[in-house]
Structure formats: structure tokens, C-alpha cells
C-alpha atoms as a PDB file:
ATOM      1  CA  MET A   1       0.052   0.012   0.033  1.00  0.00           C
ATOM      2  CA  GLY A   2       3.068   2.446   0.866  1.00  0.00           C
ATOM      3  CA  SER A   3       4.495   1.836  -2.123  1.00  0.00           C
ATOM      4  CA  GLY A   4       1.083   2.705  -4.047  1.00  0.00           C
ATOM      5  CA  LYS A   5       0.763   5.801  -2.385  1.00  0.00           C
ATOM      6  CA  ASN A   6       4.752   6.245  -3.090  1.00  0.00           C
ATOM      7  CA  LEU A   7       4.180   5.815  -7.180  1.00  0.00           C
ATOM      8  CA  LYS A   8       0.955   8.042  -6.986  1.00  0.00           C
ATOM      9  CA  PHE A   9       2.525  10.735  -5.059  1.00  0.00           C
ATOM     10  CA  PHE A  10       5.266  10.861  -7.748  1.00  0.00           C
ATOM     11  CA  TYR A  11       3.293  10.495 -10.548  1.00  0.00           C
ATOM     12  CA  SER A  12       1.179  13.442  -9.371  1.00  0.00           C
ATOM     13  CA  GLN A  13       4.603  15.269  -8.863  1.00  0.00           C
ATOM     14  CA  TYR A  14       6.018  14.287 -12.338  1.00  0.00           C
ATOM     15  CA  MET A  15       2.943  15.511 -14.260  1.00  0.00           C
ATOM     16  CA  SER A  16       2.815  18.491 -12.121  1.00  0.00           C
ATOM     17  CA  MET A  17       6.401  19.365 -13.339  1.00  0.00           C
ATOM     18  CA  GLN A  18       5.206  18.417 -17.132  1.00  0.00           C
ATOM     19  CA  PHE A  19       2.363  20.892 -16.749  1.00  0.00           C
ATOM     20  CA  GLY A  20       4.630  23.629 -15.500  1.00  0.00           C
ATOM     21  CA  LYS A  21       6.940  22.715 -18.228  1.00  0.00           C
ATOM     22  CA  LEU A  22       4.215  23.400 -20.646  1.00  0.00           C
ATOM     23  CA  ILE A  23       3.307  26.579 -19.204  1.00  0.00           C
ATOM     24  CA  SER A  24       6.455  27.856 -19.580  1.00  0.00           C
ATOM     25  CA  CYS A  25       6.710  27.386 -23.339  1.00  0.00           C
ATOM     26  CA  ILE A  26       3.639  28.738 -23.961  1.00  0.00           C
ATOM     27  CA  CYS A  27       4.636  31.929 -22.230  1.00  0.00           C
ATOM     28  CA  LEU A  28       8.250  31.686 -24.007  1.00  0.00           C
ATOM     29  CA  PHE A  29       6.374  31.293 -27.154  1.00  0.00           C
ATOM     30  CA  ALA A  30       4.577  34.591 -26.472  1.00  0.00           C
ATOM     31  CA  ALA A  31       7.029  36.347 -25.236  1.00  0.00           C
ATOM     32  CA  LEU A  32       9.211  35.616 -28.730  1.00  0.00           C
ATOM     33  CA  CYS A  33       6.119  36.594 -30.737  1.00  0.00           C
ATOM     34  CA  ILE A  34       5.589  39.748 -28.841  1.00  0.00           C
ATOM     35  CA  LEU A  35       8.880  40.796 -29.433  1.00  0.00           C
ATOM     36  CA  MET A  36       9.364  39.365 -33.013  1.00  0.00           C
ATOM     37  CA  HIS A  37       6.582  41.362 -34.288  1.00  0.00           C
ATOM     38  CA  PRO A  38       8.221  45.103 -34.174  1.00  0.00           C
ATOM     39  CA  VAL A  39      10.787  43.352 -36.583  1.00  0.00           C
ATOM     40  CA  ALA A  40       8.746  42.288 -39.000  1.00  0.00           C
ATOM     41  CA  ALA A  41       7.035  45.325 -38.878  1.00  0.00           C
ATOM     42  CA  ALA A  42      10.267  46.838 -39.943  1.00  0.00           C
ATOM     43  CA  THR A  43      11.095  44.954 -42.611  1.00  0.00           C
ATOM     44  CA  GLN A  44       8.232  46.008 -44.314  1.00  0.00           C
ATOM     45  CA  PRO A  45       8.581  48.608 -47.461  1.00  0.00           C
ATOM     46  CA  ASP A  46       8.334  52.168 -46.383  1.00  0.00           C
ATOM     47  CA  GLU A  47       6.483  54.497 -48.179  1.00  0.00           C
ATOM     48  CA  ALA A  48       9.341  55.585 -50.344  1.00  0.00           C
ATOM     49  CA  THR A  49       9.659  52.138 -51.375  1.00  0.00           C
ATOM     50  CA  ILE A  50       6.569  51.570 -52.424  1.00  0.00           C
ATOM     51  CA  TYR A  51       6.483  54.598 -54.653  1.00  0.00           C
ATOM     52  CA  TYR A  52       9.295  53.604 -55.966  1.00  0.00           C
ATOM     53  CA  ASN A  53       8.521  50.070 -56.809  1.00  0.00           C
ATOM     54  CA  ALA A  54       5.426  50.918 -58.456  1.00  0.00           C
ATOM     55  CA  GLY A  55       7.776  53.451 -60.573  1.00  0.00           C
ATOM     56  CA  VAL A  56      10.342  50.659 -61.532  1.00  0.00           C
ATOM     57  CA  ASN A  57       6.815  48.490 -62.924  1.00  0.00           C
ATOM     58  CA  LEU A  58       5.351  51.841 -64.724  1.00  0.00           C
ATOM     59  CA  LEU A  59       8.768  52.252 -66.280  1.00  0.00           C
ATOM     60  CA  ASN A  60       8.944  48.622 -67.461  1.00  0.00           C
ATOM     61  CA  GLN A  61       5.850  49.065 -68.884  1.00  0.00           C
ATOM     62  CA  GLY A  62       7.008  52.051 -70.790  1.00  0.00           C
ATOM     63  CA  GLN A  63       4.690  54.598 -68.783  1.00  0.00           C
ATOM     64  CA  LEU A  64       7.433  56.796 -68.468  1.00  0.00           C
ATOM     65  CA  GLU A  65       5.304  60.238 -67.202  1.00  0.00           C
ATOM     66  CA  ARG A  66       3.419  57.968 -64.725  1.00  0.00           C
ATOM     67  CA  ALA A  67       6.776  56.352 -63.822  1.00  0.00           C
ATOM     68  CA  ILE A  68       8.529  59.542 -63.231  1.00  0.00           C
ATOM     69  CA  SER A  69       5.427  60.554 -60.843  1.00  0.00           C
ATOM     70  CA  GLN A  70       5.832  57.743 -58.903  1.00  0.00           C
ATOM     71  CA  PHE A  71       9.568  58.267 -58.277  1.00  0.00           C
ATOM     72  CA  ASP A  72       8.884  62.391 -57.289  1.00  0.00           C
ATOM     73  CA  LYS A  73       6.493  60.497 -54.935  1.00  0.00           C
ATOM     74  CA  ALA A  74       9.402  58.282 -53.341  1.00  0.00           C
ATOM     75  CA  LEU A  75      11.900  61.789 -53.464  1.00  0.00           C
ATOM     76  CA  ALA A  76       9.170  63.378 -51.073  1.00  0.00           C
ATOM     77  CA  ALA A  77       8.063  61.009 -48.705  1.00  0.00           C
ATOM     78  CA  ASN A  78      10.449  59.528 -46.289  1.00  0.00           C
ATOM     79  CA  THR A  79      13.643  57.901 -48.099  1.00  0.00           C
ATOM     80  CA  SER A  80      15.510  56.891 -44.766  1.00  0.00           C
ATOM     81  CA  ILE A  81      15.303  53.268 -46.019  1.00  0.00           C
ATOM     82  CA  ILE A  82      16.103  53.526 -49.492  1.00  0.00           C
ATOM     83  CA  GLU A  83      18.912  56.077 -48.534  1.00  0.00           C
ATOM     84  CA  TYR A  84      20.407  53.388 -46.147  1.00  0.00           C
ATOM     85  CA  THR A  85      20.204  50.724 -48.982  1.00  0.00           C
ATOM     86  CA  GLY A  86      21.697  52.870 -51.328  1.00  0.00           C
ATOM     87  CA  ALA A  87      18.539  52.159 -53.700  1.00  0.00           C
ATOM     88  CA  ILE A  88      17.981  55.707 -53.914  1.00  0.00           C
ATOM     89  CA  VAL A  89      21.017  55.617 -56.871  1.00  0.00           C
ATOM     90  CA  TYR A  90      19.063  53.148 -58.616  1.00  0.00           C
ATOM     91  CA  LEU A  91      15.587  55.745 -58.143  1.00  0.00           C
ATOM     92  CA  TYR A  92      17.981  58.693 -59.890  1.00  0.00           C
ATOM     93  CA  SER A  93      19.173  56.605 -62.417  1.00  0.00           C
ATOM     94  CA  ASP A  94      15.777  54.897 -63.320  1.00  0.00           C
ATOM     95  CA  LYS A  95      14.139  58.679 -62.964  1.00  0.00           C
ATOM     96  CA  SER A  96      17.257  60.264 -65.479  1.00  0.00           C
ATOM     97  CA  ALA A  97      16.522  57.519 -67.982  1.00  0.00           C
ATOM     98  CA  ALA A  98      12.664  58.284 -68.172  1.00  0.00           C
ATOM     99  CA  LEU A  99      13.317  61.985 -68.283  1.00  0.00           C
ATOM    100  CA  PHE A 100      15.735  61.146 -71.636  1.00  0.00           C
ATOM    101  CA  ASP A 101      13.605  58.507 -73.099  1.00  0.00           C
ATOM    102  CA  LEU A 102      10.879  61.687 -72.896  1.00  0.00           C
ATOM    103  CA  GLY A 103      13.501  63.947 -74.444  1.00  0.00           C
ATOM    104  CA  ARG A 104      13.842  66.510 -71.466  1.00  0.00           C
ATOM    105  CA  TYR A 105      17.252  66.479 -71.297  1.00  0.00           C
ATOM    106  CA  SER A 106      18.278  68.920 -69.035  1.00  0.00           C
ATOM    107  CA  GLU A 107      16.070  67.485 -66.466  1.00  0.00           C
ATOM    108  CA  ALA A 108      17.486  64.171 -67.436  1.00  0.00           C
ATOM    109  CA  VAL A 109      21.565  65.404 -66.383  1.00  0.00           C
ATOM    110  CA  ASP A 110      19.914  67.120 -63.069  1.00  0.00           C
ATOM    111  CA  SER A 111      18.231  64.054 -62.138  1.00  0.00           C
ATOM    112  CA  ALA A 112      21.682  61.930 -63.015  1.00  0.00           C
ATOM    113  CA  ASP A 113      24.027  64.922 -60.643  1.00  0.00           C
ATOM    114  CA  LYS A 114      21.951  64.427 -57.383  1.00  0.00           C
ATOM    115  CA  GLY A 115      22.234  60.757 -57.832  1.00  0.00           C
ATOM    116  CA  ILE A 116      25.996  61.216 -58.344  1.00  0.00           C
ATOM    117  CA  THR A 117      26.595  63.179 -55.105  1.00  0.00           C
ATOM    118  CA  TYR A 118      24.999  60.110 -53.341  1.00  0.00           C
ATOM    119  CA  ASP A 119      27.629  57.612 -55.252  1.00  0.00           C
ATOM    120  CA  ASN A 120      29.906  58.870 -57.986  1.00  0.00           C
ATOM    121  CA  ARG A 121      30.786  55.582 -58.696  1.00  0.00           C
ATOM    122  CA  PHE A 122      27.246  54.591 -59.909  1.00  0.00           C
ATOM    123  CA  GLN A 123      28.048  53.848 -63.838  1.00  0.00           C
ATOM    124  CA  SER A 124      24.718  54.113 -65.004  1.00  0.00           C
ATOM    125  CA  LEU A 125      24.087  57.571 -63.782  1.00  0.00           C
ATOM    126  CA  TRP A 126      27.173  58.920 -65.656  1.00  0.00           C
ATOM    127  CA  ARG A 127      25.984  57.461 -68.715  1.00  0.00           C
ATOM    128  CA  ASN A 128      22.866  58.686 -68.661  1.00  0.00           C
ATOM    129  CA  LYS A 129      23.986  62.085 -67.785  1.00  0.00           C
ATOM    130  CA  GLY A 130      26.347  61.575 -70.894  1.00  0.00           C
ATOM    131  CA  LEU A 131      23.851  60.858 -73.275  1.00  0.00           C
ATOM    132  CA  SER A 132      21.763  63.486 -72.176  1.00  0.00           C
ATOM    133  CA  LEU A 133      24.258  66.364 -72.895  1.00  0.00           C
ATOM    134  CA  SER A 134      25.142  64.709 -75.955  1.00  0.00           C
ATOM    135  CA  LYS A 135      21.833  65.642 -76.922  1.00  0.00           C
ATOM    136  CA  LEU A 136      21.939  69.093 -74.956  1.00  0.00           C
ATOM    137  CA  GLY A 137      25.056  69.857 -77.902  1.00  0.00           C
ATOM    138  CA  ARG A 138      27.476  70.008 -74.700  1.00  0.00           C
ATOM    139  CA  TYR A 139      29.661  67.405 -76.352  1.00  0.00           C
ATOM    140  CA  GLN A 140      32.777  67.781 -74.678  1.00  0.00           C
ATOM    141  CA  ASP A 141      30.847  67.819 -71.006  1.00  0.00           C
ATOM    142  CA  ALA A 142      29.391  64.212 -72.621  1.00  0.00           C
ATOM    143  CA  VAL A 143      32.798  63.117 -73.246  1.00  0.00           C
ATOM    144  CA  ASP A 144      33.751  63.863 -70.002  1.00  0.00           C
ATOM    145  CA  ALA A 145      30.759  62.001 -68.465  1.00  0.00           C
ATOM    146  CA  PHE A 146      31.770  59.114 -70.501  1.00  0.00           C
ATOM    147  CA  ASP A 147      35.293  59.104 -69.599  1.00  0.00           C
ATOM    148  CA  HIS A 148      33.741  58.737 -66.081  1.00  0.00           C
ATOM    149  CA  ALA A 149      31.831  55.645 -66.751  1.00  0.00           C
ATOM    150  CA  ILE A 150      34.780  54.117 -68.420  1.00  0.00           C
ATOM    151  CA  ALA A 151      36.920  54.182 -65.826  1.00  0.00           C
ATOM    152  CA  ILE A 152      34.380  52.750 -63.611  1.00  0.00           C
ATOM    153  CA  ASP A 153      33.914  50.233 -66.172  1.00  0.00           C
ATOM    154  CA  SER A 154      37.609  49.314 -66.002  1.00  0.00           C
ATOM    155  CA  THR A 155      38.218  49.518 -61.877  1.00  0.00           C
ATOM    156  CA  SER A 156      35.117  48.519 -60.717  1.00  0.00           C
ATOM    157  CA  SER A 157      35.034  45.014 -58.826  1.00  0.00           C
ATOM    158  CA  ASN A 158      31.378  44.967 -59.996  1.00  0.00           C
ATOM    159  CA  SER A 159      32.518  45.189 -63.629  1.00  0.00           C
ATOM    160  CA  THR A 160      29.689  46.013 -66.213  1.00  0.00           C
ATOM    161  CA  SER A 161      28.907  43.931 -68.938  1.00  0.00           C
ATOM    162  CA  SER A 162      31.276  43.975 -71.947  1.00  0.00           C
ATOM    163  CA  MET A 163      28.262  45.270 -74.066  1.00  0.00           C
ATOM    164  CA  ASP A 164      27.540  48.097 -71.294  1.00  0.00           C
ATOM    165  CA  PHE A 165      31.339  48.722 -71.668  1.00  0.00           C
ATOM    166  CA  SER A 166      31.895  48.467 -75.108  1.00  0.00           C
ATOM    167  CA  MET A 167      28.676  50.833 -75.255  1.00  0.00           C
ATOM    168  CA  ASP A 168      30.292  53.758 -73.304  1.00  0.00           C
ATOM    169  CA  TRP A 169      33.065  53.660 -75.383  1.00  0.00           C
ATOM    170  CA  LYS A 170      31.028  54.035 -78.841  1.00  0.00           C
ATOM    171  CA  ASN A 171      29.091  57.104 -76.964  1.00  0.00           C
ATOM    172  CA  LYS A 172      32.263  58.602 -76.385  1.00  0.00           C
ATOM    173  CA  GLY A 173      33.077  58.159 -80.239  1.00  0.00           C
ATOM    174  CA  ASP A 174      29.710  59.876 -81.344  1.00  0.00           C
ATOM    175  CA  SER A 175      30.986  63.014 -79.042  1.00  0.00           C
ATOM    176  CA  LEU A 176      34.441  63.009 -80.673  1.00  0.00           C
ATOM    177  CA  TYR A 177      32.734  62.944 -83.699  1.00  0.00           C
ATOM    178  CA  SER A 178      30.664  65.828 -82.956  1.00  0.00           C
ATOM    179  CA  LEU A 179      33.265  67.667 -81.971  1.00  0.00           C
ATOM    180  CA  GLY A 180      35.232  67.020 -85.341  1.00  0.00           C
ATOM    181  CA  ARG A 181      37.959  65.123 -83.644  1.00  0.00           C
ATOM    182  CA  TYR A 182      37.556  62.231 -85.870  1.00  0.00           C
ATOM    183  CA  GLN A 183      41.047  60.311 -84.979  1.00  0.00           C
ATOM    184  CA  ASP A 184      40.076  60.154 -81.413  1.00  0.00           C
ATOM    185  CA  ALA A 185      36.676  58.911 -82.566  1.00  0.00           C
ATOM    186  CA  VAL A 186      38.431  56.144 -84.731  1.00  0.00           C
ATOM    187  CA  ASN A 187      40.126  55.253 -81.123  1.00  0.00           C
ATOM    188  CA  ALA A 188      36.875  55.611 -79.440  1.00  0.00           C
ATOM    189  CA  TYR A 189      35.473  53.228 -81.660  1.00  0.00           C
ATOM    190  CA  THR A 190      38.237  51.351 -82.163  1.00  0.00           C
ATOM    191  CA  SER A 191      37.922  50.704 -78.563  1.00  0.00           C
ATOM    192  CA  ALA A 192      34.694  49.899 -78.393  1.00  0.00           C
ATOM    193  CA  LEU A 193      34.664  46.719 -81.147  1.00  0.00           C
ATOM    194  CA  SER A 194      37.757  45.536 -79.344  1.00  0.00           C
ATOM    195  CA  LEU A 195      35.083  44.895 -75.909  1.00  0.00           C
ATOM    196  CA  ASP A 196      32.447  44.018 -78.659  1.00  0.00           C
ATOM    197  CA  SER A 197      33.446  42.974 -82.014  1.00  0.00           C
ATOM    198  CA  GLY A 198      29.459  42.432 -82.520  1.00  0.00           C
ATOM    199  CA  ASN A 199      28.471  46.251 -81.778  1.00  0.00           C
ATOM    200  CA  SER A 200      27.479  47.180 -85.186  1.00  0.00           C
ATOM    201  CA  TYR A 201      26.660  50.746 -83.875  1.00  0.00           C
ATOM    202  CA  ALA A 202      30.704  51.414 -83.331  1.00  0.00           C
ATOM    203  CA  ALA A 203      31.432  49.959 -86.696  1.00  0.00           C
ATOM    204  CA  GLU A 204      29.076  52.114 -88.322  1.00  0.00           C
ATOM    205  CA  GLY A 205      30.770  55.187 -86.384  1.00  0.00           C
ATOM    206  CA  LEU A 206      34.320  53.864 -87.163  1.00  0.00           C
ATOM    207  CA  ALA A 207      33.542  53.945 -90.845  1.00  0.00           C
ATOM    208  CA  ARG A 208      32.380  57.643 -90.578  1.00  0.00           C
ATOM    209  CA  ALA A 209      35.303  59.001 -88.684  1.00  0.00           C
ATOM    210  CA  GLN A 210      37.810  57.026 -90.620  1.00  0.00           C
ATOM    211  CA  GLN A 211      36.514  58.828 -93.744  1.00  0.00           C
ATOM    212  CA  LYS A 212      36.383  61.924 -92.257  1.00  0.00           C
ATOM    213  CA  SER A 213      39.695  61.319 -90.828  1.00  0.00           C
ATOM    214  CA  SER A 214      41.334  60.362 -94.186  1.00  0.00           C
ATOM    215  CA  ASP A 215      39.817  63.345 -96.023  1.00  0.00           C
ATOM    216  CA  ILE A 216      41.349  65.680 -93.963  1.00  0.00           C
ATOM    217  CA  SER A 217      44.814  64.498 -95.629  1.00  0.00           C
ATOM    218  CA  PRO A 218      44.128  65.909 -99.177  1.00  0.00           C
ATOM    219  CA  VAL A 219      43.048  69.458 -97.946  1.00  0.00           C
ATOM    220  CA  MET A 220      45.779  69.859 -95.607  1.00  0.00           C
ATOM    221  CA  ILE A 221      48.035  69.034 -98.511  1.00  0.00           C
ATOM    222  CA  ILE A 222      46.574  71.605-100.672  1.00  0.00           C
ATOM    223  CA  ALA A 223      46.884  74.273 -97.706  1.00  0.00           C
ATOM    224  CA  VAL A 224      50.586  73.115 -97.137  1.00  0.00           C
ATOM    225  CA  ILE A 225      50.861  73.840-101.193  1.00  0.00           C
ATOM    226  CA  ALA A 226      49.132  76.854-101.238  1.00  0.00           C
ATOM    227  CA  LEU A 227      51.091  78.344 -98.229  1.00  0.00           C
ATOM    228  CA  ILE A 228      54.163  77.457-100.069  1.00  0.00           C
ATOM    229  CA  VAL A 229      52.976  79.136-103.027  1.00  0.00           C
ATOM    230  CA  VAL A 230      52.320  82.388-101.606  1.00  0.00           C
ATOM    231  CA  GLY A 231      55.155  82.454 -99.679  1.00  0.00           C
ATOM    232  CA  CYS A 232      57.594  81.833-102.846  1.00  0.00           C
ATOM    233  CA  GLY A 233      55.168  84.683-104.738  1.00  0.00           C
ATOM    234  CA  VAL A 234      56.051  86.991-101.704  1.00  0.00           C
ATOM    235  CA  ALA A 235      59.760  86.350-101.916  1.00  0.00           C
ATOM    236  CA  TYR A 236      59.548  86.529-105.662  1.00  0.00           C
ATOM    237  CA  TYR A 237      57.631  90.064-105.120  1.00  0.00           C
ATOM    238  CA  VAL A 238      59.783  91.202-102.530  1.00  0.00           C
ATOM    239  CA  LEU A 239      63.249  90.346-104.230  1.00  0.00           C
ATOM    240  CA  LYS A 240      62.074  92.459-107.804  1.00  0.00           C
ATOM    241  CA  LYS A 241      61.276  95.481-106.087  1.00  0.00           C
ATOM    242  CA  LYS A 242      64.760  95.464-104.095  1.00  0.00           C
ATOM    243  CA  PRO A 243      66.783  98.505-104.917  1.00  0.00           C
ATOM    244  CA  SER A 244      69.876  97.435-107.262  1.00  0.00           C
ATOM    245  CA  GLY A 245      73.300  98.064-105.139  1.00  0.00           C
ATOM    246  CA  ASP A 246      73.893 101.852-106.742  1.00  0.00           C
ATOM    247  CA  SER A 247      72.971 104.309-104.758  1.00  0.00           C
ATOM    248  CA  ALA A 248      71.052 107.387-105.640  1.00  0.00           C
ATOM    249  CA  ALA A 249      73.859 109.828-105.720  1.00  0.00           C
ATOM    250  CA  GLU A 250      75.759 107.149-107.896  1.00  0.00           C
ATOM    251  CA  LYS A 251      73.045 106.720-110.560  1.00  0.00           C
ATOM    252  CA  LYS A 252      73.085 111.399-110.713  1.00  0.00           C
ATOM    253  CA  GLU A 253      76.930 111.076-110.657  1.00  0.00           C
ATOM    254  CA  LYS A 254      77.057 108.519-113.485  1.00  0.00           C
ATOM    255  CA  LYS A 255      74.434 110.612-115.219  1.00  0.00           C
ATOM    256  CA  LYS A 256      76.835 113.911-115.528  1.00  0.00           C
END
């Protein structure tokens, strides 16, 4: 009998301990849920990120004006999260690209410049800026922008594709061609083709630049010949009009 009572006692104690553990686990689980809730909430996109994502979707659909509107809303909202994550440079890059496609080149340059203030190693910002400057006729500034893009292509650990790298050289070649710097343009187009032999735009530009460069040689030759002829004519005229060695007094004396 005594042993039976002891077994019941130990059994009841055991069950009490298990019940207590169950209660403790439930309390611990509830506490974890309470503590984890703010973290889950914090990982949700902020207002600016929501607007930016909507803008990207619209941009991919070709709805440029609406995309720009969403980007502007994102910039006007609290941008703390997209600034912290670095997404703001993508926002400015996408906005400048949309403005470029709409032909709003000055605004595209402005958007690219604002993005560059956050990260001056973001290659697409320099490319967008260079393309927009070229459309505005600011070819030397465009060359400088493309040089920045090319430098980033060359040194960045996150190197861009060879096709993009090639296009940066091609774009530089276009601006050099517009400046009348045909041999420099030839060099730029050649660099573009060395990176991507299938770059038909660079191949076409190279042909144009080579033609212009070869056209210069005959012109220069003719100009040099003309200068020589003029120089000879001047020399002949001066020598012909030069007085003889006899002075005027000597000539008078001879007449006497």
C-alpha cells in the first residue's frame, strides 16, 4: 500500500512538473511573438520604397510619365530606408533614364547629378548624364561624363558587361565625332569593337570617322602647297622690287 501511495505521489509530482514546463513554453512562445512583431513590421517597405517599386513597374511597361510621378512621390516621402540601402541611386538613375526617353534632357542631367552626389561610382548615372549632354550639344561635357563611366567600367569590382562597356566607348566616340575630333573618335570606336566585335553602332561610327579622318589629309596637303606657293610669290615680289646696289647719288653722278 505504501509503495502504491508513493507511486501516486511521484506521478502527481511528475505531472505537475510537465504541466509547469508546458506553461513555461507557452509563455516563452508568447513573449517571442511579442518581441518579434516589431521586427517583422520594420522589414516592411516604407512609403518611399513602395512608390519607387511602383515607378519601376511603370517604367518597365513604358509608362514614363507615370513612372516619373511615382519616383517624385518616393523622393518627397520618407526616404530613410532607400537611402540606407543605397537604392536611392537606382531611383535617380531610373528617373534620369525616363526623362531622357521623354526628351527632357536638362532634367535628365539634373537627376543624374543628384544621384551622383550619393554615389559618384554609379556607372549608369554617368552614362545617362553623358547621353543627355550629347543631346543638348554639350559634347565636351558628354565626353567627360563618358570618361567617368569608362573609368568605373575599368576599375569597379562589380564590373559591367562587356556590351555596356563597349557602348560607353561608342557613346564617347559619337561625341568626339561631333566635336570634329575624328582620329580620337576612331580610337574610341576601335576600343568599343575590341570589347564587343558585334557592336554594329560602333562599326558604323568607325567607318564614318575613318572617312572624315582620311578626308583631312588631302585638304592639309593642298593647304601646305598653297602656303608654299604664296610664300614663293611673296619672296619673288620682294626680291624683284629690291633696289640695285647703286645708290641714288651714284646714279646721278653717272648721268653727269
